[in-house]
Amino acid sequence: MSECLLDYPHAPVWCPACWAEQQQDQVITEMRRANDLKEQELLLRDQHDDGWRPAPKPVRYIPPMTTPAQQHNEKGGIGIEPRHKSL
């Protein structure tokens, strides 16, 4: 339904055509608002762009956690012996 067929005053919620028109109007209004905000952002960015940027946060190295058994393992490496002896 693309045209309102009700001939009396009504809320858009009761008429699919009026509801679609109201939703479209809201979408257009918000798109214009988003464009205005983006334009303001770009103007401010151009006015205050002196090439300075904050330094990136330093990366802090955290060593992996080890258990006491891992710290005192004299053998080291991985076990290659079979777990089960067959036959």
N, C-alpha and C. Protein backbone atom coordinates (compact mmCIF):
# COMPACT_ATOMS: atom_id res chain seq x y z
N MET A 1 0.85 -1.18 0.00
CA MET A 1 0.00 0.00 0.00
C MET A 1 0.89 1.24 0.00
N SER A 2 0.82 2.04 -1.02
CA SER A 2 1.69 3.20 -1.12
C SER A 2 0.94 4.52 -0.91
N GLU A 3 -0.34 4.44 -0.75
CA GLU A 3 -1.13 5.66 -0.59
C GLU A 3 -2.13 5.47 0.55
N CYS A 4 -2.30 6.52 1.32
CA CYS A 4 -3.23 6.47 2.45
C CYS A 4 -4.67 6.49 1.94
N LEU A 5 -5.43 5.50 2.36
CA LEU A 5 -6.82 5.40 1.91
C LEU A 5 -7.81 5.85 2.97
N LEU A 6 -7.33 6.20 4.17
CA LEU A 6 -8.22 6.66 5.23
C LEU A 6 -8.55 8.13 5.02
N ASP A 7 -9.83 8.47 5.12
CA ASP A 7 -10.25 9.84 4.85
C ASP A 7 -10.54 10.61 6.13
N TYR A 8 -9.99 10.18 7.24
CA TYR A 8 -10.17 10.88 8.51
C TYR A 8 -8.81 10.97 9.21
N PRO A 9 -8.66 11.92 10.14
CA PRO A 9 -7.39 12.04 10.85
C PRO A 9 -7.09 10.76 11.64
N HIS A 10 -5.86 10.31 11.58
CA HIS A 10 -5.49 9.08 12.26
C HIS A 10 -4.00 9.08 12.58
N ALA A 11 -3.62 8.22 13.49
CA ALA A 11 -2.21 8.06 13.84
C ALA A 11 -1.54 7.19 12.78
N PRO A 12 -0.27 7.45 12.50
CA PRO A 12 0.42 6.66 11.48
C PRO A 12 0.47 5.16 11.82
N VAL A 13 0.34 4.84 13.07
CA VAL A 13 0.41 3.44 13.47
C VAL A 13 -0.76 2.62 12.90
N TRP A 14 -1.86 3.25 12.59
CA TRP A 14 -3.04 2.55 12.09
C TRP A 14 -3.07 2.43 10.58
N CYS A 15 -2.16 3.10 9.92
CA CYS A 15 -2.18 3.12 8.45
C CYS A 15 -0.78 2.75 7.92
N PRO A 16 -0.67 1.64 7.22
CA PRO A 16 0.65 1.23 6.72
C PRO A 16 1.33 2.28 5.84
N ALA A 17 0.58 2.99 5.03
CA ALA A 17 1.17 4.00 4.15
C ALA A 17 1.72 5.17 4.96
N CYS A 18 0.94 5.63 5.94
CA CYS A 18 1.40 6.74 6.78
C CYS A 18 2.58 6.32 7.65
N TRP A 19 2.55 5.07 8.12
CA TRP A 19 3.64 4.56 8.94
C TRP A 19 4.94 4.51 8.13
N ALA A 20 4.87 4.02 6.92
CA ALA A 20 6.05 3.94 6.06
C ALA A 20 6.59 5.35 5.77
N GLU A 21 5.69 6.29 5.53
CA GLU A 21 6.11 7.67 5.26
C GLU A 21 6.78 8.28 6.49
N GLN A 22 6.22 8.03 7.67
CA GLN A 22 6.81 8.56 8.89
C GLN A 22 8.20 7.95 9.13
N GLN A 23 8.34 6.66 8.92
CA GLN A 23 9.64 6.01 9.10
C GLN A 23 10.67 6.54 8.11
N GLN A 24 10.25 6.75 6.88
CA GLN A 24 11.16 7.30 5.87
C GLN A 24 11.59 8.71 6.24
N ASP A 25 10.66 9.52 6.75
CA ASP A 25 11.00 10.88 7.19
C ASP A 25 12.02 10.85 8.33
N GLN A 26 11.86 9.91 9.25
CA GLN A 26 12.81 9.80 10.36
C GLN A 26 14.19 9.37 9.87
N VAL A 27 14.23 8.47 8.92
CA VAL A 27 15.50 8.02 8.36
C VAL A 27 16.21 9.19 7.69
N ILE A 28 15.48 9.96 6.91
CA ILE A 28 16.07 11.12 6.22
C ILE A 28 16.58 12.14 7.22
N THR A 29 15.81 12.40 8.27
CA THR A 29 16.22 13.36 9.30
C THR A 29 17.52 12.90 9.98
N GLU A 30 17.61 11.63 10.32
CA GLU A 30 18.80 11.13 10.98
C GLU A 30 20.00 11.11 10.04
N MET A 31 19.78 10.85 8.77
CA MET A 31 20.89 10.88 7.81
C MET A 31 21.43 12.30 7.66
N ARG A 32 20.55 13.27 7.64
CA ARG A 32 20.99 14.67 7.57
C ARG A 32 21.76 15.05 8.82
N ARG A 33 21.28 14.59 9.97
CA ARG A 33 21.97 14.87 11.24
C ARG A 33 23.36 14.24 11.23
N ALA A 34 23.47 13.01 10.76
CA ALA A 34 24.76 12.33 10.69
C ALA A 34 25.71 13.08 9.75
N ASN A 35 25.21 13.56 8.63
CA ASN A 35 26.03 14.34 7.71
C ASN A 35 26.51 15.64 8.34
N ASP A 36 25.63 16.32 9.07
CA ASP A 36 26.01 17.56 9.75
C ASP A 36 27.10 17.30 10.79
N LEU A 37 26.94 16.23 11.56
CA LEU A 37 27.94 15.90 12.57
C LEU A 37 29.28 15.55 11.93
N LYS A 38 29.25 14.81 10.85
CA LYS A 38 30.49 14.45 10.15
C LYS A 38 31.15 15.70 9.59
N GLU A 39 30.37 16.61 9.07
CA GLU A 39 30.92 17.86 8.54
C GLU A 39 31.59 18.66 9.65
N GLN A 40 30.95 18.74 10.81
CA GLN A 40 31.55 19.44 11.96
C GLN A 40 32.84 18.77 12.39
N GLU A 41 32.84 17.45 12.42
CA GLU A 41 34.04 16.71 12.80
C GLU A 41 35.19 17.01 11.85
N LEU A 42 34.91 17.01 10.56
CA LEU A 42 35.96 17.28 9.58
C LEU A 42 36.47 18.70 9.68
N LEU A 43 35.58 19.66 9.94
CA LEU A 43 36.01 21.05 10.10
C LEU A 43 36.92 21.19 11.32
N LEU A 44 36.52 20.58 12.43
CA LEU A 44 37.35 20.64 13.63
C LEU A 44 38.69 19.94 13.43
N ARG A 45 38.67 18.85 12.70
CA ARG A 45 39.90 18.12 12.44
C ARG A 45 40.84 18.97 11.58
N ASP A 46 40.29 19.67 10.60
CA ASP A 46 41.12 20.53 9.75
C ASP A 46 41.67 21.72 10.53
N GLN A 47 40.88 22.29 11.43
CA GLN A 47 41.32 23.45 12.21
C GLN A 47 42.42 23.09 13.20
N HIS A 48 42.35 21.91 13.77
CA HIS A 48 43.27 21.55 14.84
C HIS A 48 44.30 20.51 14.41
N ASP A 49 44.49 20.35 13.13
CA ASP A 49 45.44 19.36 12.64
C ASP A 49 46.82 20.01 12.53
N ASP A 50 47.65 19.83 13.56
CA ASP A 50 49.00 20.37 13.54
C ASP A 50 50.04 19.26 13.41
N GLY A 51 49.58 18.07 13.07
CA GLY A 51 50.49 16.96 12.89
C GLY A 51 50.79 16.19 14.16
N TRP A 52 50.37 16.70 15.29
CA TRP A 52 50.64 16.02 16.56
C TRP A 52 49.64 14.90 16.79
N ARG A 53 50.15 13.79 17.16
CA ARG A 53 49.31 12.64 17.53
C ARG A 53 49.85 12.11 18.85
N PRO A 54 48.98 11.63 19.71
CA PRO A 54 49.48 11.07 20.97
C PRO A 54 50.34 9.83 20.71
N ALA A 55 51.33 9.64 21.56
CA ALA A 55 52.22 8.49 21.42
C ALA A 55 51.45 7.22 21.72
N PRO A 56 51.75 6.17 21.00
CA PRO A 56 51.06 4.90 21.29
C PRO A 56 51.47 4.38 22.67
N LYS A 57 50.59 3.65 23.28
CA LYS A 57 50.89 3.09 24.59
C LYS A 57 51.99 2.05 24.45
N PRO A 58 52.95 2.05 25.38
CA PRO A 58 54.02 1.05 25.28
C PRO A 58 53.47 -0.35 25.56
N VAL A 59 54.06 -1.31 24.88
CA VAL A 59 53.65 -2.69 25.06
C VAL A 59 54.45 -3.26 26.23
N ARG A 60 53.75 -3.81 27.19
CA ARG A 60 54.41 -4.36 28.37
C ARG A 60 54.47 -5.88 28.25
N TYR A 61 55.67 -6.43 28.36
CA TYR A 61 55.84 -7.87 28.25
C TYR A 61 55.53 -8.52 29.59
N ILE A 62 54.69 -9.53 29.57
CA ILE A 62 54.36 -10.29 30.76
C ILE A 62 54.83 -11.72 30.52
N PRO A 63 55.82 -12.19 31.32
CA PRO A 63 56.33 -13.54 31.09
C PRO A 63 55.26 -14.57 31.41
N PRO A 64 55.33 -15.73 30.77
CA PRO A 64 54.32 -16.75 31.02
C PRO A 64 54.45 -17.31 32.43
N MET A 65 53.31 -17.69 32.99
CA MET A 65 53.30 -18.27 34.34
C MET A 65 53.85 -19.69 34.28
N THR A 66 54.72 -20.03 35.22
CA THR A 66 55.25 -21.39 35.28
C THR A 66 54.97 -21.96 36.66
N THR A 67 54.78 -23.25 36.71
CA THR A 67 54.55 -23.93 37.99
C THR A 67 55.89 -24.37 38.54
N PRO A 68 55.97 -24.64 39.84
CA PRO A 68 57.25 -25.11 40.40
C PRO A 68 57.75 -26.38 39.73
N ALA A 69 56.87 -27.29 39.31
CA ALA A 69 57.29 -28.51 38.63
C ALA A 69 57.96 -28.18 37.30
N GLN A 70 57.48 -27.19 36.61
CA GLN A 70 58.08 -26.80 35.34
C GLN A 70 59.44 -26.14 35.55
N GLN A 71 59.60 -25.43 36.64
CA GLN A 71 60.85 -24.73 36.89
C GLN A 71 61.99 -25.70 37.22
N HIS A 72 61.69 -26.84 37.86
CA HIS A 72 62.71 -27.77 38.31
C HIS A 72 62.76 -29.05 37.48
N ASN A 73 62.22 -29.03 36.32
CA ASN A 73 62.22 -30.20 35.46
C ASN A 73 63.63 -30.37 34.89
N GLU A 74 64.32 -31.44 35.32
CA GLU A 74 65.69 -31.66 34.88
C GLU A 74 65.75 -32.31 33.51
N LYS A 75 64.73 -33.09 33.21
CA LYS A 75 64.73 -33.83 31.96
C LYS A 75 64.47 -32.90 30.77
N GLY A 76 63.45 -32.10 30.88
CA GLY A 76 63.14 -31.13 29.83
C GLY A 76 62.59 -31.78 28.58
N GLY A 77 62.14 -31.01 27.66
CA GLY A 77 61.63 -31.50 26.38
C GLY A 77 60.30 -32.21 26.52
N ILE A 78 59.95 -32.97 25.51
CA ILE A 78 58.70 -33.72 25.53
C ILE A 78 59.01 -35.21 25.56
N GLY A 79 58.10 -35.96 26.15
CA GLY A 79 58.30 -37.40 26.21
C GLY A 79 57.93 -38.06 24.89
N ILE A 80 58.83 -38.91 24.37
CA ILE A 80 58.54 -39.59 23.11
C ILE A 80 58.31 -41.08 23.33
N GLU A 81 58.38 -41.51 24.57
CA GLU A 81 58.12 -42.91 24.88
C GLU A 81 56.64 -43.19 24.73
N PRO A 82 56.30 -44.40 24.24
CA PRO A 82 54.88 -44.72 24.11
C PRO A 82 54.22 -44.82 25.50
N ARG A 83 52.99 -44.45 25.59
CA ARG A 83 52.26 -44.48 26.85
C ARG A 83 51.88 -45.90 27.23
N HIS A 84 51.51 -46.68 26.25
CA HIS A 84 51.06 -48.05 26.48
C HIS A 84 51.98 -48.99 25.72
N LYS A 85 52.37 -50.01 26.43
CA LYS A 85 53.16 -51.01 25.72
C LYS A 85 52.21 -52.05 25.17
N SER A 86 52.25 -52.22 23.89
CA SER A 86 51.37 -53.25 23.28
C SER A 86 52.13 -54.56 23.21
N LEU A 87 51.44 -55.61 23.51
CA LEU A 87 51.97 -56.97 23.53
C LEU A 87 53.02 -57.15 24.55
